Amino acid sequence: MDLFAFSLAALSLLATPGPTNTLLATSAAAAGARRSLRLLPAELAGYFVSILILRGLLGPIIAASPVLKLALHAAVALYLVYLAAMLWQHGSREGDGGRPITLLRIFLTTLLNPKAVIFAFTLLPDGLGLLELRPWLTVLAVEIAAAGGCWIVLGSALRRGFSGVLGPRVGYRLSATILVLLAGLLGVHALA
């Protein structure tokens, strides 16, 4: 895939709702855009570590073992359900002032994000080493930051738009519901 087609495909994928985007928007809705922008490096690190592990270590093993591929999808789905439960539980606590969206949570969620599998095995060109992939990885890094920033702006806009109408509890519970739906879609896709 040439660099232009890659950039369009990658941006389209990054713009779609997913677990990391949901957390970024939730963080911005709860804590504001300025505080949430600090989460973007964790997202970038999560994607890049995942891509490196997938391409370098797990790719050949997963290709040889459909059972391992199914187990990987199941583990990601279970993590999304766990994350949804944490958000739901946090939404049950009124006025605790805590913020459940941490750098580590963004990193782990992105590390397990199914989009990384698509980047590693579908969008990035096969047969190229890391040095040859630099142009693609540079474009991907810029697009990760841009898309993540847009989700933060969206979350912040929701915070301002619904301030006083809907409390943070609704935002956390809506985010939890979206994550459960994503886990279900991932599980169905893995079994199909």
N, C-alpha and C. Protein backbone atom coordinates (compact mmCIF):
# COMPACT_ATOMS: atom_id res chain seq x y z
N MET A 1 0.85 -1.17 0.00
CA MET A 1 0.00 0.00 0.00
C MET A 1 0.90 1.24 0.00
N ASP A 2 0.62 2.16 -0.92
CA ASP A 2 1.44 3.36 -0.97
C ASP A 2 1.12 4.27 0.22
N LEU A 3 1.98 5.23 0.46
CA LEU A 3 1.90 6.07 1.65
C LEU A 3 0.61 6.89 1.70
N PHE A 4 0.15 7.39 0.56
CA PHE A 4 -1.08 8.19 0.54
C PHE A 4 -2.30 7.33 0.89
N ALA A 5 -2.40 6.16 0.27
CA ALA A 5 -3.52 5.26 0.58
C ALA A 5 -3.46 4.82 2.04
N PHE A 6 -2.24 4.56 2.54
CA PHE A 6 -2.08 4.20 3.95
C PHE A 6 -2.58 5.31 4.85
N SER A 7 -2.21 6.56 4.53
CA SER A 7 -2.61 7.68 5.41
C SER A 7 -4.12 7.83 5.45
N LEU A 8 -4.79 7.65 4.33
CA LEU A 8 -6.25 7.74 4.31
C LEU A 8 -6.89 6.59 5.10
N ALA A 9 -6.39 5.38 4.87
CA ALA A 9 -6.94 4.22 5.57
C ALA A 9 -6.69 4.31 7.07
N ALA A 10 -5.49 4.71 7.46
CA ALA A 10 -5.15 4.81 8.87
C ALA A 10 -5.98 5.88 9.56
N LEU A 11 -6.15 7.03 8.93
CA LEU A 11 -6.95 8.09 9.53
C LEU A 11 -8.41 7.68 9.67
N SER A 12 -8.92 6.98 8.66
CA SER A 12 -10.30 6.48 8.75
C SER A 12 -10.46 5.52 9.92
N LEU A 13 -9.51 4.63 10.09
CA LEU A 13 -9.57 3.67 11.18
C LEU A 13 -9.45 4.37 12.54
N LEU A 14 -8.54 5.32 12.64
CA LEU A 14 -8.33 6.03 13.90
C LEU A 14 -9.53 6.91 14.27
N ALA A 15 -10.28 7.36 13.29
CA ALA A 15 -11.42 8.23 13.56
C ALA A 15 -12.64 7.47 14.07
N THR A 16 -12.68 6.16 13.83
CA THR A 16 -13.85 5.40 14.27
C THR A 16 -13.84 5.21 15.78
N PRO A 17 -15.02 5.11 16.37
CA PRO A 17 -15.08 4.87 17.82
C PRO A 17 -14.41 3.55 18.17
N GLY A 18 -13.72 3.56 19.27
CA GLY A 18 -13.04 2.37 19.75
C GLY A 18 -12.73 2.55 21.23
N PRO A 19 -12.07 1.59 21.83
CA PRO A 19 -11.84 1.67 23.27
C PRO A 19 -10.97 2.86 23.68
N THR A 20 -9.91 3.11 22.96
CA THR A 20 -9.04 4.24 23.34
C THR A 20 -9.76 5.57 23.11
N ASN A 21 -10.43 5.70 21.97
CA ASN A 21 -11.15 6.94 21.68
C ASN A 21 -12.24 7.20 22.72
N THR A 22 -12.91 6.15 23.14
CA THR A 22 -13.95 6.28 24.16
C THR A 22 -13.35 6.80 25.46
N LEU A 23 -12.20 6.26 25.84
CA LEU A 23 -11.56 6.71 27.08
C LEU A 23 -11.06 8.15 26.97
N LEU A 24 -10.51 8.51 25.81
CA LEU A 24 -10.05 9.90 25.64
C LEU A 24 -11.21 10.88 25.74
N ALA A 25 -12.32 10.57 25.08
CA ALA A 25 -13.50 11.45 25.15
C ALA A 25 -14.06 11.49 26.57
N THR A 26 -14.09 10.34 27.24
CA THR A 26 -14.59 10.29 28.62
C THR A 26 -13.73 11.12 29.54
N SER A 27 -12.43 11.02 29.37
CA SER A 27 -11.51 11.81 30.20
C SER A 27 -11.73 13.30 29.99
N ALA A 28 -11.86 13.71 28.73
CA ALA A 28 -12.08 15.13 28.44
C ALA A 28 -13.42 15.61 28.98
N ALA A 29 -14.44 14.75 28.92
CA ALA A 29 -15.75 15.12 29.45
C ALA A 29 -15.71 15.26 30.96
N ALA A 30 -14.87 14.45 31.62
CA ALA A 30 -14.79 14.48 33.08
C ALA A 30 -13.79 15.50 33.59
N ALA A 31 -12.65 15.61 32.92
CA ALA A 31 -11.56 16.43 33.46
C ALA A 31 -11.17 17.61 32.59
N GLY A 32 -11.71 17.70 31.38
CA GLY A 32 -11.37 18.80 30.50
C GLY A 32 -10.29 18.42 29.50
N ALA A 33 -10.22 19.20 28.45
CA ALA A 33 -9.29 18.91 27.35
C ALA A 33 -7.83 19.06 27.76
N ARG A 34 -7.52 20.11 28.49
CA ARG A 34 -6.12 20.38 28.84
C ARG A 34 -5.52 19.21 29.64
N ARG A 35 -6.26 18.71 30.63
CA ARG A 35 -5.76 17.58 31.42
C ARG A 35 -5.69 16.30 30.60
N SER A 36 -6.58 16.17 29.65
CA SER A 36 -6.65 14.93 28.87
C SER A 36 -5.60 14.86 27.77
N LEU A 37 -5.10 15.99 27.32
CA LEU A 37 -4.07 15.98 26.27
C LEU A 37 -2.82 15.23 26.71
N ARG A 38 -2.56 15.17 27.99
CA ARG A 38 -1.38 14.46 28.48
C ARG A 38 -1.47 12.95 28.25
N LEU A 39 -2.67 12.47 27.90
CA LEU A 39 -2.87 11.04 27.64
C LEU A 39 -2.41 10.61 26.24
N LEU A 40 -2.23 11.57 25.35
CA LEU A 40 -1.88 11.23 23.96
C LEU A 40 -0.56 10.48 23.82
N PRO A 41 0.51 10.82 24.56
CA PRO A 41 1.73 10.02 24.44
C PRO A 41 1.53 8.55 24.85
N ALA A 42 0.66 8.31 25.82
CA ALA A 42 0.38 6.92 26.22
C ALA A 42 -0.34 6.17 25.11
N GLU A 43 -1.23 6.86 24.39
CA GLU A 43 -1.90 6.24 23.25
C GLU A 43 -0.88 5.89 22.17
N LEU A 44 -0.03 6.83 21.85
CA LEU A 44 0.99 6.62 20.83
C LEU A 44 1.90 5.45 21.21
N ALA A 45 2.36 5.43 22.46
CA ALA A 45 3.22 4.34 22.92
C ALA A 45 2.50 3.00 22.86
N GLY A 46 1.23 2.98 23.24
CA GLY A 46 0.46 1.74 23.20
C GLY A 46 0.36 1.17 21.79
N TYR A 47 0.05 2.02 20.83
CA TYR A 47 -0.04 1.55 19.44
C TYR A 47 1.31 1.04 18.94
N PHE A 48 2.38 1.80 19.19
CA PHE A 48 3.66 1.42 18.63
C PHE A 48 4.22 0.15 19.28
N VAL A 49 4.07 0.02 20.59
CA VAL A 49 4.52 -1.21 21.26
C VAL A 49 3.72 -2.40 20.75
N SER A 50 2.42 -2.22 20.61
CA SER A 50 1.57 -3.31 20.12
C SER A 50 1.97 -3.71 18.70
N ILE A 51 2.16 -2.75 17.83
CA ILE A 51 2.55 -3.05 16.45
C ILE A 51 3.90 -3.78 16.41
N LEU A 52 4.83 -3.33 17.21
CA LEU A 52 6.15 -3.99 17.23
C LEU A 52 6.05 -5.42 17.74
N ILE A 53 5.27 -5.63 18.79
CA ILE A 53 5.11 -6.99 19.33
C ILE A 53 4.38 -7.87 18.31
N LEU A 54 3.32 -7.33 17.73
CA LEU A 54 2.54 -8.12 16.78
C LEU A 54 3.37 -8.50 15.55
N ARG A 55 4.06 -7.53 14.97
CA ARG A 55 4.82 -7.81 13.74
C ARG A 55 6.07 -8.63 14.02
N GLY A 56 6.73 -8.33 15.12
CA GLY A 56 8.01 -8.97 15.38
C GLY A 56 7.93 -10.31 16.08
N LEU A 57 7.03 -10.45 17.03
CA LEU A 57 7.00 -11.66 17.85
C LEU A 57 5.80 -12.55 17.60
N LEU A 58 4.61 -11.96 17.68
CA LEU A 58 3.41 -12.77 17.63
C LEU A 58 2.91 -13.09 16.22
N GLY A 59 3.27 -12.28 15.26
CA GLY A 59 2.78 -12.48 13.90
C GLY A 59 2.98 -13.88 13.37
N PRO A 60 4.20 -14.37 13.38
CA PRO A 60 4.42 -15.72 12.86
C PRO A 60 3.71 -16.81 13.69
N ILE A 61 3.63 -16.62 14.99
CA ILE A 61 2.98 -17.61 15.86
C ILE A 61 1.48 -17.61 15.64
N ILE A 62 0.88 -16.42 15.56
CA ILE A 62 -0.57 -16.31 15.36
C ILE A 62 -0.95 -16.87 13.99
N ALA A 63 -0.12 -16.63 12.99
CA ALA A 63 -0.41 -17.14 11.65
C ALA A 63 -0.44 -18.67 11.64
N ALA A 64 0.35 -19.28 12.50
CA ALA A 64 0.42 -20.74 12.53
C ALA A 64 -0.60 -21.37 13.47
N SER A 65 -1.25 -20.56 14.32
CA SER A 65 -2.16 -21.14 15.31
C SER A 65 -3.47 -20.35 15.41
N PRO A 66 -4.53 -20.83 14.77
CA PRO A 66 -5.82 -20.15 14.87
C PRO A 66 -6.35 -20.11 16.30
N VAL A 67 -5.99 -21.10 17.12
CA VAL A 67 -6.45 -21.13 18.51
C VAL A 67 -5.84 -19.95 19.29
N LEU A 68 -4.58 -19.67 19.03
CA LEU A 68 -3.93 -18.54 19.70
C LEU A 68 -4.56 -17.22 19.27
N LYS A 69 -4.93 -17.12 18.00
CA LYS A 69 -5.60 -15.91 17.51
C LYS A 69 -6.93 -15.72 18.22
N LEU A 70 -7.68 -16.79 18.38
CA LEU A 70 -8.95 -16.74 19.10
C LEU A 70 -8.74 -16.34 20.57
N ALA A 71 -7.70 -16.91 21.19
CA ALA A 71 -7.40 -16.58 22.59
C ALA A 71 -7.02 -15.11 22.74
N LEU A 72 -6.28 -14.58 21.78
CA LEU A 72 -5.90 -13.16 21.82
C LEU A 72 -7.14 -12.28 21.72
N HIS A 73 -8.05 -12.60 20.81
CA HIS A 73 -9.29 -11.84 20.68
C HIS A 73 -10.13 -11.93 21.96
N ALA A 74 -10.17 -13.11 22.56
CA ALA A 74 -10.94 -13.29 23.80
C ALA A 74 -10.34 -12.47 24.93
N ALA A 75 -9.02 -12.44 25.03
CA ALA A 75 -8.36 -11.66 26.07
C ALA A 75 -8.65 -10.16 25.91
N VAL A 76 -8.62 -9.68 24.69
CA VAL A 76 -8.92 -8.26 24.43
C VAL A 76 -10.38 -7.96 24.79
N ALA A 77 -11.30 -8.84 24.41
CA ALA A 77 -12.72 -8.63 24.73
C ALA A 77 -12.94 -8.62 26.24
N LEU A 78 -12.29 -9.52 26.94
CA LEU A 78 -12.42 -9.55 28.41
C LEU A 78 -11.87 -8.28 29.05
N TYR A 79 -10.76 -7.79 28.52
CA TYR A 79 -10.21 -6.55 29.06
C TYR A 79 -11.17 -5.38 28.83
N LEU A 80 -11.82 -5.34 27.69
CA LEU A 80 -12.79 -4.28 27.42
C LEU A 80 -13.97 -4.36 28.38
N VAL A 81 -14.43 -5.57 28.69
CA VAL A 81 -15.52 -5.74 29.65
C VAL A 81 -15.07 -5.28 31.04
N TYR A 82 -13.85 -5.64 31.43
CA TYR A 82 -13.30 -5.19 32.72
C TYR A 82 -13.24 -3.66 32.77
N LEU A 83 -12.75 -3.06 31.71
CA LEU A 83 -12.65 -1.60 31.64
C LEU A 83 -14.04 -0.97 31.73
N ALA A 84 -15.01 -1.56 31.06
CA ALA A 84 -16.38 -1.06 31.12
C ALA A 84 -16.92 -1.15 32.55
N ALA A 85 -16.64 -2.24 33.23
CA ALA A 85 -17.10 -2.39 34.61
C ALA A 85 -16.48 -1.33 35.51
N MET A 86 -15.22 -1.02 35.29
CA MET A 86 -14.56 0.03 36.09
C MET A 86 -15.20 1.39 35.84
N LEU A 87 -15.48 1.70 34.57
CA LEU A 87 -16.12 2.98 34.26
C LEU A 87 -17.54 3.03 34.84
N TRP A 88 -18.27 1.93 34.73
CA TRP A 88 -19.63 1.89 35.26
C TRP A 88 -19.62 2.10 36.77
N GLN A 89 -18.69 1.43 37.42
CA GLN A 89 -18.57 1.55 38.88
C GLN A 89 -18.18 2.98 39.26
N HIS A 90 -17.27 3.56 38.50
CA HIS A 90 -16.88 4.94 38.78
C HIS A 90 -18.07 5.88 38.60
N GLY A 91 -18.91 5.59 37.61
CA GLY A 91 -20.09 6.41 37.37
C GLY A 91 -21.11 6.29 38.48
N SER A 92 -21.02 5.25 39.30
CA SER A 92 -21.95 5.06 40.41
C SER A 92 -21.58 5.92 41.61
N ARG A 93 -20.35 6.34 41.67
CA ARG A 93 -19.89 7.14 42.81
C ARG A 93 -20.13 8.61 42.51
N GLU A 94 -20.88 9.24 43.32
CA GLU A 94 -21.18 10.66 43.14
C GLU A 94 -20.13 11.51 43.85
N GLY A 95 -19.61 12.47 43.12
CA GLY A 95 -18.77 13.49 43.72
C GLY A 95 -17.49 12.99 44.36
N ASP A 96 -16.91 11.90 43.88
CA ASP A 96 -15.68 11.43 44.49
C ASP A 96 -14.46 12.18 43.99
N GLY A 97 -14.63 12.93 42.90
CA GLY A 97 -13.53 13.76 42.40
C GLY A 97 -12.41 12.98 41.74
N GLY A 98 -12.45 11.66 41.76
CA GLY A 98 -11.40 10.86 41.16
C GLY A 98 -11.53 10.82 39.65
N ARG A 99 -10.44 10.48 39.00
CA ARG A 99 -10.46 10.36 37.56
C ARG A 99 -9.89 9.01 37.18
N PRO A 100 -10.71 8.12 36.66
CA PRO A 100 -10.22 6.77 36.40
C PRO A 100 -9.36 6.63 35.15
N ILE A 101 -9.29 7.66 34.33
CA ILE A 101 -8.56 7.55 33.07
C ILE A 101 -7.11 7.98 33.31
N THR A 102 -6.24 7.01 33.43
CA THR A 102 -4.83 7.27 33.72
C THR A 102 -3.98 6.99 32.48
N LEU A 103 -2.72 7.41 32.54
CA LEU A 103 -1.79 7.10 31.46
C LEU A 103 -1.67 5.59 31.27
N LEU A 104 -1.58 4.85 32.37
CA LEU A 104 -1.45 3.40 32.28
C LEU A 104 -2.69 2.78 31.64
N ARG A 105 -3.87 3.26 32.01
CA ARG A 105 -5.10 2.71 31.43
C ARG A 105 -5.16 2.97 29.93
N ILE A 106 -4.78 4.17 29.51
CA ILE A 106 -4.76 4.48 28.07
C ILE A 106 -3.73 3.59 27.36
N PHE A 107 -2.55 3.46 27.95
CA PHE A 107 -1.51 2.63 27.34
C PHE A 107 -1.98 1.19 27.18
N LEU A 108 -2.51 0.59 28.27
CA LEU A 108 -2.94 -0.82 28.21
C LEU A 108 -4.11 -1.01 27.25
N THR A 109 -5.05 -0.08 27.26
CA THR A 109 -6.20 -0.20 26.37
C THR A 109 -5.75 -0.10 24.92
N THR A 110 -4.83 0.79 24.63
CA THR A 110 -4.34 0.93 23.26
C THR A 110 -3.47 -0.26 22.88
N LEU A 111 -2.69 -0.75 23.82
CA LEU A 111 -1.87 -1.93 23.56
C LEU A 111 -2.73 -3.11 23.13
N LEU A 112 -3.94 -3.22 23.71
CA LEU A 112 -4.85 -4.31 23.40
C LEU A 112 -5.91 -3.94 22.36
N ASN A 113 -5.82 -2.75 21.81
CA ASN A 113 -6.81 -2.27 20.86
C ASN A 113 -6.75 -3.08 19.56
N PRO A 114 -7.89 -3.61 19.12
CA PRO A 114 -7.90 -4.39 17.87
C PRO A 114 -7.41 -3.60 16.65
N LYS A 115 -7.46 -2.28 16.71
CA LYS A 115 -6.98 -1.48 15.58
C LYS A 115 -5.49 -1.71 15.35
N ALA A 116 -4.73 -1.99 16.42
CA ALA A 116 -3.30 -2.24 16.27
C ALA A 116 -3.05 -3.46 15.41
N VAL A 117 -3.92 -4.46 15.53
CA VAL A 117 -3.79 -5.67 14.70
C VAL A 117 -3.97 -5.31 13.23
N ILE A 118 -4.91 -4.43 12.95
CA ILE A 118 -5.16 -4.01 11.57
C ILE A 118 -3.96 -3.24 11.03
N PHE A 119 -3.40 -2.35 11.87
CA PHE A 119 -2.20 -1.63 11.43
C PHE A 119 -1.06 -2.61 11.15
N ALA A 120 -0.82 -3.51 12.10
CA ALA A 120 0.33 -4.41 12.01
C ALA A 120 0.25 -5.36 10.83
N PHE A 121 -0.94 -5.92 10.58
CA PHE A 121 -1.03 -7.00 9.60
C PHE A 121 -1.73 -6.64 8.29
N THR A 122 -2.42 -5.49 8.26
CA THR A 122 -3.17 -5.16 7.05
C THR A 122 -2.67 -3.88 6.39
N LEU A 123 -2.54 -2.81 7.16
CA LEU A 123 -2.23 -1.51 6.55
C LEU A 123 -0.74 -1.27 6.32
N LEU A 124 0.11 -1.67 7.25
CA LEU A 124 1.55 -1.47 7.06
C LEU A 124 2.06 -2.48 6.04
N PRO A 125 2.93 -2.05 5.13
CA PRO A 125 3.43 -2.97 4.09
C PRO A 125 4.19 -4.15 4.69
N ASP A 126 3.98 -5.31 4.10
CA ASP A 126 4.68 -6.53 4.53
C ASP A 126 6.13 -6.51 4.05
N GLY A 127 6.96 -7.24 4.76
CA GLY A 127 8.32 -7.47 4.31
C GLY A 127 9.28 -6.31 4.50
N LEU A 128 8.85 -5.26 5.19
CA LEU A 128 9.74 -4.12 5.42
C LEU A 128 10.18 -4.11 6.88
N GLY A 129 11.45 -3.76 7.09
CA GLY A 129 11.96 -3.60 8.44
C GLY A 129 11.56 -2.25 9.02
N LEU A 130 11.92 -2.03 10.26
CA LEU A 130 11.54 -0.77 10.92
C LEU A 130 12.11 0.45 10.21
N LEU A 131 13.32 0.37 9.72
CA LEU A 131 13.91 1.53 9.04
C LEU A 131 13.15 1.87 7.77
N GLU A 132 12.75 0.84 7.03
CA GLU A 132 12.00 1.09 5.80
C GLU A 132 10.58 1.56 6.08
N LEU A 133 10.06 1.23 7.26
CA LEU A 133 8.69 1.64 7.64
C LEU A 133 8.62 3.06 8.22
N ARG A 134 9.75 3.73 8.36
CA ARG A 134 9.75 5.07 8.97
C ARG A 134 8.73 6.03 8.39
N PRO A 135 8.60 6.16 7.07
CA PRO A 135 7.60 7.10 6.54
C PRO A 135 6.18 6.74 6.99
N TRP A 136 5.84 5.46 6.96
CA TRP A 136 4.50 5.01 7.37
C TRP A 136 4.29 5.24 8.87
N LEU A 137 5.31 4.94 9.66
CA LEU A 137 5.19 5.10 11.10
C LEU A 137 5.13 6.58 11.51
N THR A 138 5.81 7.43 10.75
CA THR A 138 5.74 8.87 11.02
C THR A 138 4.34 9.40 10.74
N VAL A 139 3.79 9.01 9.60
CA VAL A 139 2.42 9.41 9.27
C VAL A 139 1.45 8.88 10.32
N LEU A 140 1.64 7.64 10.71
CA LEU A 140 0.77 7.04 11.71
C LEU A 140 0.85 7.80 13.04
N ALA A 141 2.04 8.18 13.46
CA ALA A 141 2.20 8.91 14.72
C ALA A 141 1.46 10.25 14.68
N VAL A 142 1.59 10.97 13.58
CA VAL A 142 0.90 12.26 13.44
C VAL A 142 -0.61 12.05 13.46
N GLU A 143 -1.08 11.04 12.77
CA GLU A 143 -2.52 10.78 12.69
C GLU A 143 -3.08 10.28 14.03
N ILE A 144 -2.31 9.50 14.77
CA ILE A 144 -2.75 9.07 16.11
C ILE A 144 -2.96 10.29 17.00
N ALA A 145 -2.00 11.19 16.99
CA ALA A 145 -2.11 12.40 17.81
C ALA A 145 -3.29 13.27 17.36
N ALA A 146 -3.46 13.41 16.05
CA ALA A 146 -4.55 14.25 15.53
C ALA A 146 -5.92 13.65 15.86
N ALA A 147 -6.09 12.35 15.62
CA ALA A 147 -7.38 11.71 15.89
C ALA A 147 -7.67 11.70 17.39
N GLY A 148 -6.66 11.37 18.19
CA GLY A 148 -6.84 11.39 19.64
C GLY A 148 -7.22 12.78 20.13
N GLY A 149 -6.57 13.80 19.57
CA GLY A 149 -6.91 15.18 19.93
C GLY A 149 -8.34 15.53 19.57
N CYS A 150 -8.80 15.03 18.44
CA CYS A 150 -10.20 15.28 18.04
C CYS A 150 -11.18 14.62 19.00
N TRP A 151 -10.87 13.40 19.46
CA TRP A 151 -11.75 12.74 20.43
C TRP A 151 -11.75 13.48 21.76
N ILE A 152 -10.63 14.05 22.12
CA ILE A 152 -10.56 14.85 23.35
C ILE A 152 -11.41 16.11 23.19
N VAL A 153 -11.30 16.77 22.05
CA VAL A 153 -12.12 17.96 21.79
C VAL A 153 -13.60 17.60 21.82
N LEU A 154 -13.96 16.46 21.24
CA LEU A 154 -15.35 16.02 21.28
C LEU A 154 -15.83 15.81 22.71
N GLY A 155 -15.03 15.13 23.51
CA GLY A 155 -15.39 14.91 24.91
C GLY A 155 -15.53 16.21 25.68
N SER A 156 -14.64 17.14 25.41
CA SER A 156 -14.69 18.45 26.06
C SER A 156 -15.93 19.23 25.63
N ALA A 157 -16.28 19.13 24.35
CA ALA A 157 -17.49 19.80 23.86
C ALA A 157 -18.73 19.20 24.50
N LEU A 158 -18.73 17.90 24.67
CA LEU A 158 -19.87 17.26 25.35
C LEU A 158 -19.97 17.72 26.80
N ARG A 159 -18.81 17.92 27.40
CA ARG A 159 -18.79 18.41 28.79
C ARG A 159 -19.45 19.79 28.87
N ARG A 160 -19.07 20.65 27.96
CA ARG A 160 -19.63 22.00 27.96
C ARG A 160 -21.10 21.99 27.54
N GLY A 161 -21.42 21.18 26.52
CA GLY A 161 -22.77 21.16 25.97
C GLY A 161 -23.80 20.58 26.91
N PHE A 162 -23.41 19.60 27.72
CA PHE A 162 -24.36 18.95 28.61
C PHE A 162 -24.17 19.33 30.06
N SER A 163 -23.32 20.30 30.31
CA SER A 163 -23.08 20.73 31.69
C SER A 163 -24.39 21.17 32.34
N GLY A 164 -24.70 20.55 33.45
CA GLY A 164 -25.93 20.88 34.17
C GLY A 164 -27.13 20.09 33.70
N VAL A 165 -27.09 19.54 32.47
CA VAL A 165 -28.21 18.76 31.95
C VAL A 165 -27.99 17.29 32.28
N LEU A 166 -26.83 16.78 31.93
CA LEU A 166 -26.46 15.40 32.23
C LEU A 166 -25.20 15.42 33.08
N GLY A 167 -25.19 14.66 34.13
CA GLY A 167 -24.02 14.61 35.00
C GLY A 167 -22.95 13.68 34.46
N PRO A 168 -21.80 13.65 35.10
CA PRO A 168 -20.71 12.78 34.68
C PRO A 168 -21.09 11.30 34.74
N ARG A 169 -22.01 10.96 35.63
CA ARG A 169 -22.44 9.57 35.77
C ARG A 169 -22.94 9.03 34.42
N VAL A 170 -23.72 9.82 33.69
CA VAL A 170 -24.25 9.38 32.41
C VAL A 170 -23.11 9.17 31.41
N GLY A 171 -22.13 10.06 31.41
CA GLY A 171 -20.99 9.92 30.50
C GLY A 171 -20.20 8.65 30.76
N TYR A 172 -19.93 8.37 32.03
CA TYR A 172 -19.19 7.15 32.37
C TYR A 172 -19.99 5.91 31.98
N ARG A 173 -21.28 5.95 32.24
CA ARG A 173 -22.10 4.77 31.95
C ARG A 173 -22.28 4.59 30.43
N LEU A 174 -22.38 5.68 29.71
CA LEU A 174 -22.47 5.59 28.25
C LEU A 174 -21.17 5.01 27.70
N SER A 175 -20.04 5.49 28.20
CA SER A 175 -18.74 4.96 27.77
C SER A 175 -18.62 3.48 28.09
N ALA A 176 -19.08 3.08 29.27
CA ALA A 176 -19.03 1.67 29.66
C ALA A 176 -19.89 0.83 28.71
N THR A 177 -21.04 1.34 28.35
CA THR A 177 -21.92 0.61 27.43
C THR A 177 -21.27 0.45 26.07
N ILE A 178 -20.63 1.50 25.57
CA ILE A 178 -19.94 1.43 24.28
C ILE A 178 -18.82 0.40 24.32
N LEU A 179 -18.08 0.36 25.42
CA LEU A 179 -16.99 -0.62 25.52
C LEU A 179 -17.52 -2.05 25.55
N VAL A 180 -18.64 -2.28 26.22
CA VAL A 180 -19.24 -3.62 26.23
C VAL A 180 -19.69 -4.00 24.81
N LEU A 181 -20.27 -3.06 24.09
CA LEU A 181 -20.67 -3.32 22.70
C LEU A 181 -19.46 -3.66 21.83
N LEU A 182 -18.36 -2.90 22.01
CA LEU A 182 -17.15 -3.20 21.25
C LEU A 182 -16.60 -4.58 21.60
N ALA A 183 -16.65 -4.94 22.88
CA ALA A 183 -16.19 -6.27 23.29
C ALA A 183 -17.05 -7.35 22.64
N GLY A 184 -18.36 -7.12 22.59
CA GLY A 184 -19.26 -8.07 21.96
C GLY A 184 -18.98 -8.22 20.48
N LEU A 185 -18.75 -7.10 19.79
CA LEU A 185 -18.43 -7.15 18.36
C LEU A 185 -17.14 -7.90 18.12
N LEU A 186 -16.15 -7.65 18.97
CA LEU A 186 -14.87 -8.33 18.83
C LEU A 186 -15.05 -9.83 19.05
N GLY A 187 -15.83 -10.20 20.06
CA GLY A 187 -16.08 -11.62 20.33
C GLY A 187 -16.81 -12.31 19.19
N VAL A 188 -17.81 -11.66 18.64
CA VAL A 188 -18.56 -12.22 17.51
C VAL A 188 -17.65 -12.37 16.29
N HIS A 189 -16.83 -11.35 16.05
CA HIS A 189 -15.92 -11.39 14.90
C HIS A 189 -14.91 -12.54 15.07
N ALA A 190 -14.42 -12.74 16.28
CA ALA A 190 -13.42 -13.79 16.52
C ALA A 190 -14.04 -15.18 16.31
N LEU A 191 -15.29 -15.34 16.67
CA LEU A 191 -15.95 -16.64 16.53
C LEU A 191 -16.43 -16.91 15.13
N ALA A 192 -16.59 -15.86 14.32
CA ALA A 192 -17.12 -16.03 12.95
C ALA A 192 -16.07 -16.55 12.00
